[in-house]
Amino acid sequence: MQLKAADLTVRVCSDDDTGSYCFRCPSCERAVAKDASRRIVDLLVSSGVRLQVWRRPAELLEPRVGPALTPDDLLDFHLLLRDDDWFAALSEMVRRELHG
């Protein structure tokens, strides 16, 4: 089974001009994404493949403060999310941390 232009999407990041293309596998229906050089991007787009331009989230440019998260931190957060009052509990933990 062959893919048609309508089955593909080309994605280009406007921050660094990197490209990729994606499609659903005709056999197993899984999403597939592949890196693509500028030449491949241009070839696919000129062949009628739809183009999506995207930007990295602004949060990636924000300064990071404090220690890096550890696997234990992530596990604790996961366990915290199991309770319905997780936000109140988290707010209290942050308040204690900020105010000693």
PDB file of N, CA and C in Angstrom:
ATOM      1  N   MET A   1       0.839  -1.170   0.000  1.00  0.00           N
ATOM      2  CA  MET A   1       0.000   0.000   0.000  1.00  0.00           C
ATOM      3  C   MET A   1       0.893   1.246   0.000  1.00  0.00           C
ATOM      4  N   GLN A   2       0.613   2.193  -0.872  1.00  0.00           N
ATOM      5  CA  GLN A   2       1.406   3.408  -0.975  1.00  0.00           C
ATOM      6  C   GLN A   2       0.698   4.584  -0.318  1.00  0.00           C
ATOM      7  N   LEU A   3       1.498   5.493   0.208  1.00  0.00           N
ATOM      8  CA  LEU A   3       0.958   6.708   0.795  1.00  0.00           C
ATOM      9  C   LEU A   3       0.782   7.770  -0.281  1.00  0.00           C
ATOM     10  N   LYS A   4      -0.258   8.567  -0.128  1.00  0.00           N
ATOM     11  CA  LYS A   4      -0.494   9.691  -1.025  1.00  0.00           C
ATOM     12  C   LYS A   4      -0.131  10.970  -0.286  1.00  0.00           C
ATOM     13  N   ALA A   5      -0.009  12.075  -1.026  1.00  0.00           N
ATOM     14  CA  ALA A   5       0.336  13.359  -0.409  1.00  0.00           C
ATOM     15  C   ALA A   5      -0.640  13.711   0.709  1.00  0.00           C
ATOM     16  N   ALA A   6      -1.908  13.398   0.549  1.00  0.00           N
ATOM     17  CA  ALA A   6      -2.923  13.713   1.560  1.00  0.00           C
ATOM     18  C   ALA A   6      -2.728  12.904   2.850  1.00  0.00           C
ATOM     19  N   ASP A   7      -1.955  11.822   2.784  1.00  0.00           N
ATOM     20  CA  ASP A   7      -1.723  10.988   3.963  1.00  0.00           C
ATOM     21  C   ASP A   7      -0.580  11.507   4.834  1.00  0.00           C
ATOM     22  N   LEU A   8       0.184  12.461   4.317  1.00  0.00           N
ATOM     23  CA  LEU A   8       1.385  12.961   4.993  1.00  0.00           C
ATOM     24  C   LEU A   8       1.181  14.380   5.500  1.00  0.00           C
ATOM     25  N   THR A   9       1.948  14.740   6.519  1.00  0.00           N
ATOM     26  CA  THR A   9       2.050  16.113   6.993  1.00  0.00           C
ATOM     27  C   THR A   9       3.522  16.413   7.207  1.00  0.00           C
ATOM     28  N   VAL A  10       3.970  17.553   6.693  1.00  0.00           N
ATOM     29  CA  VAL A  10       5.331  18.028   6.922  1.00  0.00           C
ATOM     30  C   VAL A  10       5.264  19.057   8.037  1.00  0.00           C
ATOM     31  N   ARG A  11       6.180  18.951   9.000  1.00  0.00           N
ATOM     32  CA  ARG A  11       6.229  19.906  10.111  1.00  0.00           C
ATOM     33  C   ARG A  11       7.598  20.569  10.123  1.00  0.00           C
ATOM     34  N   VAL A  12       7.613  21.895  10.244  1.00  0.00           N
ATOM     35  CA  VAL A  12       8.858  22.650  10.298  1.00  0.00           C
ATOM     36  C   VAL A  12       8.825  23.545  11.527  1.00  0.00           C
ATOM     37  N   CYS A  13       9.892  23.491  12.323  1.00  0.00           N
ATOM     38  CA  CYS A  13      10.022  24.345  13.498  1.00  0.00           C
ATOM     39  C   CYS A  13      10.600  25.686  13.044  1.00  0.00           C
ATOM     40  N   SER A  14       9.859  26.760  13.271  1.00  0.00           N
ATOM     41  CA  SER A  14      10.325  28.074  12.826  1.00  0.00           C
ATOM     42  C   SER A  14      11.481  28.602  13.675  1.00  0.00           C
ATOM     43  N   ASP A  15      11.737  27.995  14.833  1.00  0.00           N
ATOM     44  CA  ASP A  15      12.837  28.445  15.690  1.00  0.00           C
ATOM     45  C   ASP A  15      14.201  28.042  15.149  1.00  0.00           C
ATOM     46  N   ASP A  16      14.292  26.842  14.568  1.00  0.00           N
ATOM     47  CA  ASP A  16      15.594  26.378  14.076  1.00  0.00           C
ATOM     48  C   ASP A  16      15.535  25.761  12.678  1.00  0.00           C
ATOM     49  N   ASP A  17      14.372  25.833  12.048  1.00  0.00           N
ATOM     50  CA  ASP A  17      14.185  25.367  10.667  1.00  0.00           C
ATOM     51  C   ASP A  17      14.354  23.849  10.510  1.00  0.00           C
ATOM     52  N   THR A  18      14.242  23.073  11.614  1.00  0.00           N
ATOM     53  CA  THR A  18      14.297  21.621  11.490  1.00  0.00           C
ATOM     54  C   THR A  18      12.962  21.117  10.963  1.00  0.00           C
ATOM     55  N   GLY A  19      13.014  20.014  10.221  1.00  0.00           N
ATOM     56  CA  GLY A  19      11.799  19.491   9.622  1.00  0.00           C
ATOM     57  C   GLY A  19      11.595  18.017   9.892  1.00  0.00           C
ATOM     58  N   SER A  20      10.360  17.602   9.714  1.00  0.00           N
ATOM     59  CA  SER A  20       9.989  16.196   9.837  1.00  0.00           C
ATOM     60  C   SER A  20       8.724  15.975   9.025  1.00  0.00           C
ATOM     61  N   TYR A  21       8.387  14.712   8.832  1.00  0.00           N
ATOM     62  CA  TYR A  21       7.108  14.385   8.218  1.00  0.00           C
ATOM     63  C   TYR A  21       6.467  13.275   9.021  1.00  0.00           C
ATOM     64  N   CYS A  22       5.152  13.228   9.002  1.00  0.00           N
ATOM     65  CA  CYS A  22       4.450  12.211   9.781  1.00  0.00           C
ATOM     66  C   CYS A  22       3.263  11.678   8.992  1.00  0.00           C
ATOM     67  N   PHE A  23       2.861  10.458   9.364  1.00  0.00           N
ATOM     68  CA  PHE A  23       1.754   9.773   8.701  1.00  0.00           C
ATOM     69  C   PHE A  23       1.306   8.614   9.565  1.00  0.00           C
ATOM     70  N   ARG A  24       0.180   8.029   9.246  1.00  0.00           N
ATOM     71  CA  ARG A  24      -0.291   6.805   9.902  1.00  0.00           C
ATOM     72  C   ARG A  24       0.116   5.625   9.036  1.00  0.00           C
ATOM     73  N   CYS A  25       0.696   4.629   9.658  1.00  0.00           N
ATOM     74  CA  CYS A  25       1.091   3.429   8.931  1.00  0.00           C
ATOM     75  C   CYS A  25      -0.166   2.769   8.358  1.00  0.00           C
ATOM     76  N   PRO A  26      -0.193   2.518   7.049  1.00  0.00           N
ATOM     77  CA  PRO A  26      -1.383   1.911   6.450  1.00  0.00           C
ATOM     78  C   PRO A  26      -1.659   0.495   6.956  1.00  0.00           C
ATOM     79  N   SER A  27      -0.626  -0.187   7.439  1.00  0.00           N
ATOM     80  CA  SER A  27      -0.812  -1.567   7.908  1.00  0.00           C
ATOM     81  C   SER A  27      -1.307  -1.645   9.343  1.00  0.00           C
ATOM     82  N   CYS A  28      -0.627  -0.906  10.237  1.00  0.00           N
ATOM     83  CA  CYS A  28      -0.949  -1.052  11.663  1.00  0.00           C
ATOM     84  C   CYS A  28      -1.652   0.164  12.260  1.00  0.00           C
ATOM     85  N   GLU A  29      -1.800   1.234  11.496  1.00  0.00           N
ATOM     86  CA  GLU A  29      -2.478   2.457  11.940  1.00  0.00           C
ATOM     87  C   GLU A  29      -1.717   3.239  13.003  1.00  0.00           C
ATOM     88  N   ARG A  30      -0.460   2.899  13.270  1.00  0.00           N
ATOM     89  CA  ARG A  30       0.326   3.645  14.246  1.00  0.00           C
ATOM     90  C   ARG A  30       0.856   4.927  13.621  1.00  0.00           C
ATOM     91  N   ALA A  31       0.988   5.954  14.455  1.00  0.00           N
ATOM     92  CA  ALA A  31       1.571   7.215  13.997  1.00  0.00           C
ATOM     93  C   ALA A  31       3.074   7.025  13.804  1.00  0.00           C
ATOM     94  N   VAL A  32       3.584   7.546  12.698  1.00  0.00           N
ATOM     95  CA  VAL A  32       5.001   7.454  12.367  1.00  0.00           C
ATOM     96  C   VAL A  32       5.509   8.866  12.103  1.00  0.00           C
ATOM     97  N   ALA A  33       6.665   9.204  12.658  1.00  0.00           N
ATOM     98  CA  ALA A  33       7.294  10.506  12.405  1.00  0.00           C
ATOM     99  C   ALA A  33       8.754  10.276  12.049  1.00  0.00           C
ATOM    100  N   LYS A  34       9.223  10.984  11.052  1.00  0.00           N
ATOM    101  CA  LYS A  34      10.599  10.848  10.578  1.00  0.00           C
ATOM    102  C   LYS A  34      11.215  12.225  10.411  1.00  0.00           C
ATOM    103  N   ASP A  35      12.489  12.372  10.788  1.00  0.00           N
ATOM    104  CA  ASP A  35      13.201  13.614  10.526  1.00  0.00           C
ATOM    105  C   ASP A  35      13.341  13.795   9.022  1.00  0.00           C
ATOM    106  N   ALA A  36      13.393  15.053   8.588  1.00  0.00           N
ATOM    107  CA  ALA A  36      13.519  15.333   7.160  1.00  0.00           C
ATOM    108  C   ALA A  36      14.453  16.520   6.948  1.00  0.00           C
ATOM    109  N   SER A  37      15.357  16.372   6.015  1.00  0.00           N
ATOM    110  CA  SER A  37      16.249  17.473   5.656  1.00  0.00           C
ATOM    111  C   SER A  37      15.447  18.562   4.955  1.00  0.00           C
ATOM    112  N   ARG A  38      16.051  19.715   4.794  1.00  0.00           N
ATOM    113  CA  ARG A  38      15.379  20.820   4.106  1.00  0.00           C
ATOM    114  C   ARG A  38      14.996  20.405   2.689  1.00  0.00           C
ATOM    115  N   ARG A  39      15.856  19.634   2.032  1.00  0.00           N
ATOM    116  CA  ARG A  39      15.589  19.178   0.665  1.00  0.00           C
ATOM    117  C   ARG A  39      14.355  18.287   0.620  1.00  0.00           C
ATOM    118  N   ILE A  40      14.224  17.376   1.582  1.00  0.00           N
ATOM    119  CA  ILE A  40      13.059  16.475   1.637  1.00  0.00           C
ATOM    120  C   ILE A  40      11.791  17.276   1.949  1.00  0.00           C
ATOM    121  N   VAL A  41      11.901  18.225   2.879  1.00  0.00           N
ATOM    122  CA  VAL A  41      10.751  19.078   3.204  1.00  0.00           C
ATOM    123  C   VAL A  41      10.272  19.799   1.951  1.00  0.00           C
ATOM    124  N   ASP A  42      11.199  20.425   1.231  1.00  0.00           N
ATOM    125  CA  ASP A  42      10.840  21.163   0.015  1.00  0.00           C
ATOM    126  C   ASP A  42      10.213  20.243  -1.030  1.00  0.00           C
ATOM    127  N   LEU A  43      10.770  19.056  -1.192  1.00  0.00           N
ATOM    128  CA  LEU A  43      10.252  18.095  -2.172  1.00  0.00           C
ATOM    129  C   LEU A  43       8.825  17.672  -1.807  1.00  0.00           C
ATOM    130  N   LEU A  44       8.598  17.351  -0.541  1.00  0.00           N
ATOM    131  CA  LEU A  44       7.262  16.917  -0.111  1.00  0.00           C
ATOM    132  C   LEU A  44       6.236  18.039  -0.257  1.00  0.00           C
ATOM    133  N   VAL A  45       6.598  19.244   0.184  1.00  0.00           N
ATOM    134  CA  VAL A  45       5.663  20.373   0.103  1.00  0.00           C
ATOM    135  C   VAL A  45       5.358  20.701  -1.353  1.00  0.00           C
ATOM    136  N   SER A  46       6.375  20.662  -2.228  1.00  0.00           N
ATOM    137  CA  SER A  46       6.131  20.946  -3.650  1.00  0.00           C
ATOM    138  C   SER A  46       5.299  19.855  -4.310  1.00  0.00           C
ATOM    139  N   SER A  47       5.223  18.692  -3.672  1.00  0.00           N
ATOM    140  CA  SER A  47       4.401  17.589  -4.192  1.00  0.00           C
ATOM    141  C   SER A  47       2.974  17.630  -3.662  1.00  0.00           C
ATOM    142  N   GLY A  48       2.652  18.642  -2.846  1.00  0.00           N
ATOM    143  CA  GLY A  48       1.287  18.792  -2.363  1.00  0.00           C
ATOM    144  C   GLY A  48       1.053  18.335  -0.941  1.00  0.00           C
ATOM    145  N   VAL A  49       2.112  17.966  -0.218  1.00  0.00           N
ATOM    146  CA  VAL A  49       1.948  17.552   1.183  1.00  0.00           C
ATOM    147  C   VAL A  49       1.691  18.799   2.023  1.00  0.00           C
ATOM    148  N   ARG A  50       0.730  18.712   2.931  1.00  0.00           N
ATOM    149  CA  ARG A  50       0.365  19.851   3.781  1.00  0.00           C
ATOM    150  C   ARG A  50       1.532  20.184   4.712  1.00  0.00           C
ATOM    151  N   LEU A  51       1.713  21.484   4.952  1.00  0.00           N
ATOM    152  CA  LEU A  51       2.808  21.986   5.771  1.00  0.00           C
ATOM    153  C   LEU A  51       2.264  22.587   7.055  1.00  0.00           C
ATOM    154  N   GLN A  52       2.850  22.209   8.183  1.00  0.00           N
ATOM    155  CA  GLN A  52       2.548  22.826   9.479  1.00  0.00           C
ATOM    156  C   GLN A  52       3.830  23.470   9.990  1.00  0.00           C
ATOM    157  N   VAL A  53       3.758  24.740  10.325  1.00  0.00           N
ATOM    158  CA  VAL A  53       4.885  25.442  10.933  1.00  0.00           C
ATOM    159  C   VAL A  53       4.565  25.600  12.410  1.00  0.00           C
ATOM    160  N   TRP A  54       5.526  25.300  13.260  1.00  0.00           N
ATOM    161  CA  TRP A  54       5.294  25.362  14.695  1.00  0.00           C
ATOM    162  C   TRP A  54       6.465  26.049  15.381  1.00  0.00           C
ATOM    163  N   ARG A  55       6.223  26.484  16.618  1.00  0.00           N
ATOM    164  CA  ARG A  55       7.253  27.117  17.446  1.00  0.00           C
ATOM    165  C   ARG A  55       7.400  26.339  18.742  1.00  0.00           C
ATOM    166  N   ARG A  56       8.589  26.377  19.296  1.00  0.00           N
ATOM    167  CA  ARG A  56       8.794  25.774  20.606  1.00  0.00           C
ATOM    168  C   ARG A  56       8.031  26.579  21.658  1.00  0.00           C
ATOM    169  N   PRO A  57       7.549  25.922  22.709  1.00  0.00           N
ATOM    170  CA  PRO A  57       6.838  26.657  23.766  1.00  0.00           C
ATOM    171  C   PRO A  57       7.757  27.691  24.425  1.00  0.00           C
ATOM    172  N   ALA A  58       7.221  28.842  24.767  1.00  0.00           N
ATOM    173  CA  ALA A  58       7.995  29.915  25.403  1.00  0.00           C
ATOM    174  C   ALA A  58       8.602  29.459  26.726  1.00  0.00           C
ATOM    175  N   GLU A  59       7.974  28.488  27.387  1.00  0.00           N
ATOM    176  CA  GLU A  59       8.478  28.007  28.676  1.00  0.00           C
ATOM    177  C   GLU A  59       9.896  27.449  28.569  1.00  0.00           C
ATOM    178  N   LEU A  60      10.293  26.991  27.399  1.00  0.00           N
ATOM    179  CA  LEU A  60      11.646  26.456  27.241  1.00  0.00           C
ATOM    180  C   LEU A  60      12.711  27.536  27.404  1.00  0.00           C
ATOM    181  N   LEU A  61      12.330  28.793  27.200  1.00  0.00           N
ATOM    182  CA  LEU A  61      13.280  29.893  27.312  1.00  0.00           C
ATOM    183  C   LEU A  61      13.314  30.517  28.703  1.00  0.00           C
ATOM    184  N   GLU A  62      12.403  30.091  29.579  1.00  0.00           N
ATOM    185  CA  GLU A  62      12.361  30.647  30.928  1.00  0.00           C
ATOM    186  C   GLU A  62      13.566  30.164  31.731  1.00  0.00           C
ATOM    187  N   PRO A  63      14.095  31.034  32.615  1.00  0.00           N
ATOM    188  CA  PRO A  63      15.224  30.600  33.454  1.00  0.00           C
ATOM    189  C   PRO A  63      14.767  29.507  34.425  1.00  0.00           C
ATOM    190  N   ARG A  64      15.648  28.589  34.671  1.00  0.00           N
ATOM    191  CA  ARG A  64      15.354  27.499  35.610  1.00  0.00           C
ATOM    192  C   ARG A  64      16.091  27.777  36.911  1.00  0.00           C
ATOM    193  N   VAL A  65      15.363  27.675  38.015  1.00  0.00           N
ATOM    194  CA  VAL A  65      15.968  27.879  39.327  1.00  0.00           C
ATOM    195  C   VAL A  65      15.668  26.665  40.193  1.00  0.00           C
ATOM    196  N   GLY A  66      16.513  26.446  41.161  1.00  0.00           N
ATOM    197  CA  GLY A  66      16.305  25.324  42.066  1.00  0.00           C
ATOM    198  C   GLY A  66      16.950  24.055  41.553  1.00  0.00           C
ATOM    199  N   PRO A  67      16.941  23.044  42.381  1.00  0.00           N
ATOM    200  CA  PRO A  67      17.572  21.774  41.991  1.00  0.00           C
ATOM    201  C   PRO A  67      16.747  21.044  40.924  1.00  0.00           C
ATOM    202  N   ALA A  68      17.416  20.224  40.163  1.00  0.00           N
ATOM    203  CA  ALA A  68      16.742  19.409  39.146  1.00  0.00           C
ATOM    204  C   ALA A  68      15.830  18.384  39.822  1.00  0.00           C
ATOM    205  N   LEU A  69      14.752  18.024  39.145  1.00  0.00           N
ATOM    206  CA  LEU A  69      13.860  16.989  39.665  1.00  0.00           C
ATOM    207  C   LEU A  69      14.572  15.636  39.653  1.00  0.00           C
ATOM    208  N   THR A  70      14.287  14.844  40.643  1.00  0.00           N
ATOM    209  CA  THR A  70      14.838  13.487  40.722  1.00  0.00           C
ATOM    210  C   THR A  70      13.714  12.495  40.430  1.00  0.00           C
ATOM    211  N   PRO A  71      14.056  11.244  40.172  1.00  0.00           N
ATOM    212  CA  PRO A  71      13.004  10.235  40.012  1.00  0.00           C
ATOM    213  C   PRO A  71      12.099  10.139  41.244  1.00  0.00           C
ATOM    214  N   ASP A  72      12.667  10.321  42.437  1.00  0.00           N
ATOM    215  CA  ASP A  72      11.846  10.294  43.652  1.00  0.00           C
ATOM    216  C   ASP A  72      10.860  11.460  43.682  1.00  0.00           C
ATOM    217  N   ASP A  73      11.287  12.643  43.212  1.00  0.00           N
ATOM    218  CA  ASP A  73      10.375  13.787  43.137  1.00  0.00           C
ATOM    219  C   ASP A  73       9.198  13.470  42.232  1.00  0.00           C
ATOM    220  N   LEU A  74       9.471  12.872  41.089  1.00  0.00           N
ATOM    221  CA  LEU A  74       8.401  12.529  40.147  1.00  0.00           C
ATOM    222  C   LEU A  74       7.456  11.486  40.717  1.00  0.00           C
ATOM    223  N   LEU A  75       8.003  10.505  41.429  1.00  0.00           N
ATOM    224  CA  LEU A  75       7.158   9.494  42.069  1.00  0.00           C
ATOM    225  C   LEU A  75       6.284  10.133  43.146  1.00  0.00           C
ATOM    226  N   ASP A  76       6.866  11.010  43.966  1.00  0.00           N
ATOM    227  CA  ASP A  76       6.077  11.706  44.998  1.00  0.00           C
ATOM    228  C   ASP A  76       4.951  12.510  44.357  1.00  0.00           C
ATOM    229  N   PHE A  77       5.240  13.202  43.266  1.00  0.00           N
ATOM    230  CA  PHE A  77       4.213  13.991  42.577  1.00  0.00           C
ATOM    231  C   PHE A  77       3.114  13.092  42.019  1.00  0.00           C
ATOM    232  N   HIS A  78       3.518  11.977  41.439  1.00  0.00           N
ATOM    233  CA  HIS A  78       2.534  11.015  40.915  1.00  0.00           C
ATOM    234  C   HIS A  78       1.604  10.534  42.030  1.00  0.00           C
ATOM    235  N   LEU A  79       2.171  10.201  43.173  1.00  0.00           N
ATOM    236  CA  LEU A  79       1.362   9.734  44.301  1.00  0.00           C
ATOM    237  C   LEU A  79       0.450  10.848  44.813  1.00  0.00           C
ATOM    238  N   LEU A  80       0.944  12.083  44.812  1.00  0.00           N
ATOM    239  CA  LEU A  80       0.136  13.221  45.236  1.00  0.00           C
ATOM    240  C   LEU A  80      -1.087  13.402  44.341  1.00  0.00           C
ATOM    241  N   LEU A  81      -0.930  13.170  43.044  1.00  0.00           N
ATOM    242  CA  LEU A  81      -2.027  13.361  42.089  1.00  0.00           C
ATOM    243  C   LEU A  81      -3.153  12.344  42.246  1.00  0.00           C
ATOM    244  N   ARG A  82      -2.923  11.279  42.997  1.00  0.00           N
ATOM    245  CA  ARG A  82      -3.965  10.263  43.184  1.00  0.00           C
ATOM    246  C   ARG A  82      -5.115  10.767  44.050  1.00  0.00           C
ATOM    247  N   ASP A  83      -4.856  11.773  44.901  1.00  0.00           N
ATOM    248  CA  ASP A  83      -5.888  12.292  45.800  1.00  0.00           C
ATOM    249  C   ASP A  83      -6.638  13.446  45.139  1.00  0.00           C
ATOM    250  N   ASP A  84      -7.938  13.554  45.446  1.00  0.00           N
ATOM    251  CA  ASP A  84      -8.751  14.628  44.881  1.00  0.00           C
ATOM    252  C   ASP A  84      -8.299  16.011  45.349  1.00  0.00           C
ATOM    253  N   ASP A  85      -7.707  16.103  46.521  1.00  0.00           N
ATOM    254  CA  ASP A  85      -7.277  17.403  47.043  1.00  0.00           C
ATOM    255  C   ASP A  85      -5.799  17.671  46.764  1.00  0.00           C
ATOM    256  N   TRP A  86      -5.274  17.114  45.684  1.00  0.00           N
ATOM    257  CA  TRP A  86      -3.849  17.221  45.379  1.00  0.00           C
ATOM    258  C   TRP A  86      -3.392  18.672  45.249  1.00  0.00           C
ATOM    259  N   PHE A  87      -4.233  19.543  44.676  1.00  0.00           N
ATOM    260  CA  PHE A  87      -3.800  20.918  44.466  1.00  0.00           C
ATOM    261  C   PHE A  87      -3.643  21.648  45.795  1.00  0.00           C
ATOM    262  N   ALA A  88      -4.579  21.446  46.700  1.00  0.00           N
ATOM    263  CA  ALA A  88      -4.490  22.078  48.022  1.00  0.00           C
ATOM    264  C   ALA A  88      -3.253  21.569  48.764  1.00  0.00           C
ATOM    265  N   ALA A  89      -2.999  20.270  48.667  1.00  0.00           N
ATOM    266  CA  ALA A  89      -1.820  19.694  49.328  1.00  0.00           C
ATOM    267  C   ALA A  89      -0.539  20.259  48.729  1.00  0.00           C
ATOM    268  N   LEU A  90      -0.485  20.373  47.423  1.00  0.00           N
ATOM    269  CA  LEU A  90       0.687  20.921  46.756  1.00  0.00           C
ATOM    270  C   LEU A  90       0.886  22.391  47.128  1.00  0.00           C
ATOM    271  N   SER A  91      -0.204  23.155  47.154  1.00  0.00           N
ATOM    272  CA  SER A  91      -0.125  24.571  47.537  1.00  0.00           C
ATOM    273  C   SER A  91       0.431  24.721  48.948  1.00  0.00           C
ATOM    274  N   GLU A  92      -0.005  23.874  49.845  1.00  0.00           N
ATOM    275  CA  GLU A  92       0.483  23.914  51.223  1.00  0.00           C
ATOM    276  C   GLU A  92       1.970  23.570  51.284  1.00  0.00           C
ATOM    277  N   MET A  93       2.399  22.597  50.515  1.00  0.00           N
ATOM    278  CA  MET A  93       3.817  22.228  50.487  1.00  0.00           C
ATOM    279  C   MET A  93       4.668  23.394  49.984  1.00  0.00           C
ATOM    280  N   VAL A  94       4.204  24.063  48.960  1.00  0.00           N
ATOM    281  CA  VAL A  94       4.937  25.209  48.408  1.00  0.00           C
ATOM    282  C   VAL A  94       4.960  26.352  49.425  1.00  0.00           C
ATOM    283  N   ARG A  95       3.813  26.614  50.053  1.00  0.00           N
ATOM    284  CA  ARG A  95       3.751  27.675  51.062  1.00  0.00           C
ATOM    285  C   ARG A  95       4.761  27.426  52.182  1.00  0.00           C
ATOM    286  N   ARG A  96       4.818  26.182  52.661  1.00  0.00           N
ATOM    287  CA  ARG A  96       5.769  25.826  53.737  1.00  0.00           C
ATOM    288  C   ARG A  96       7.210  26.027  53.273  1.00  0.00           C
ATOM    289  N   GLU A  97       7.472  25.629  52.019  1.00  0.00           N
ATOM    290  CA  GLU A  97       8.836  25.760  51.480  1.00  0.00           C
ATOM    291  C   GLU A  97       9.250  27.221  51.381  1.00  0.00           C
ATOM    292  N   LEU A  98       8.325  28.081  50.962  1.00  0.00           N
ATOM    293  CA  LEU A  98       8.641  29.505  50.777  1.00  0.00           C
ATOM    294  C   LEU A  98       8.745  30.267  52.083  1.00  0.00           C
ATOM    295  N   HIS A  99       7.951  29.853  53.064  1.00  0.00           N
ATOM    296  CA  HIS A  99       7.881  30.611  54.322  1.00  0.00           C
ATOM    297  C   HIS A  99       8.515  29.888  55.502  1.00  0.00           C
ATOM    298  N   GLY A 100       9.163  28.794  55.237  1.00  0.00           N
ATOM    299  CA  GLY A 100       9.875  28.072  56.283  1.00  0.00           C
ATOM    300  C   GLY A 100       8.977  27.439  57.210  1.00  0.00           C
TER     301      GLY A 100
END
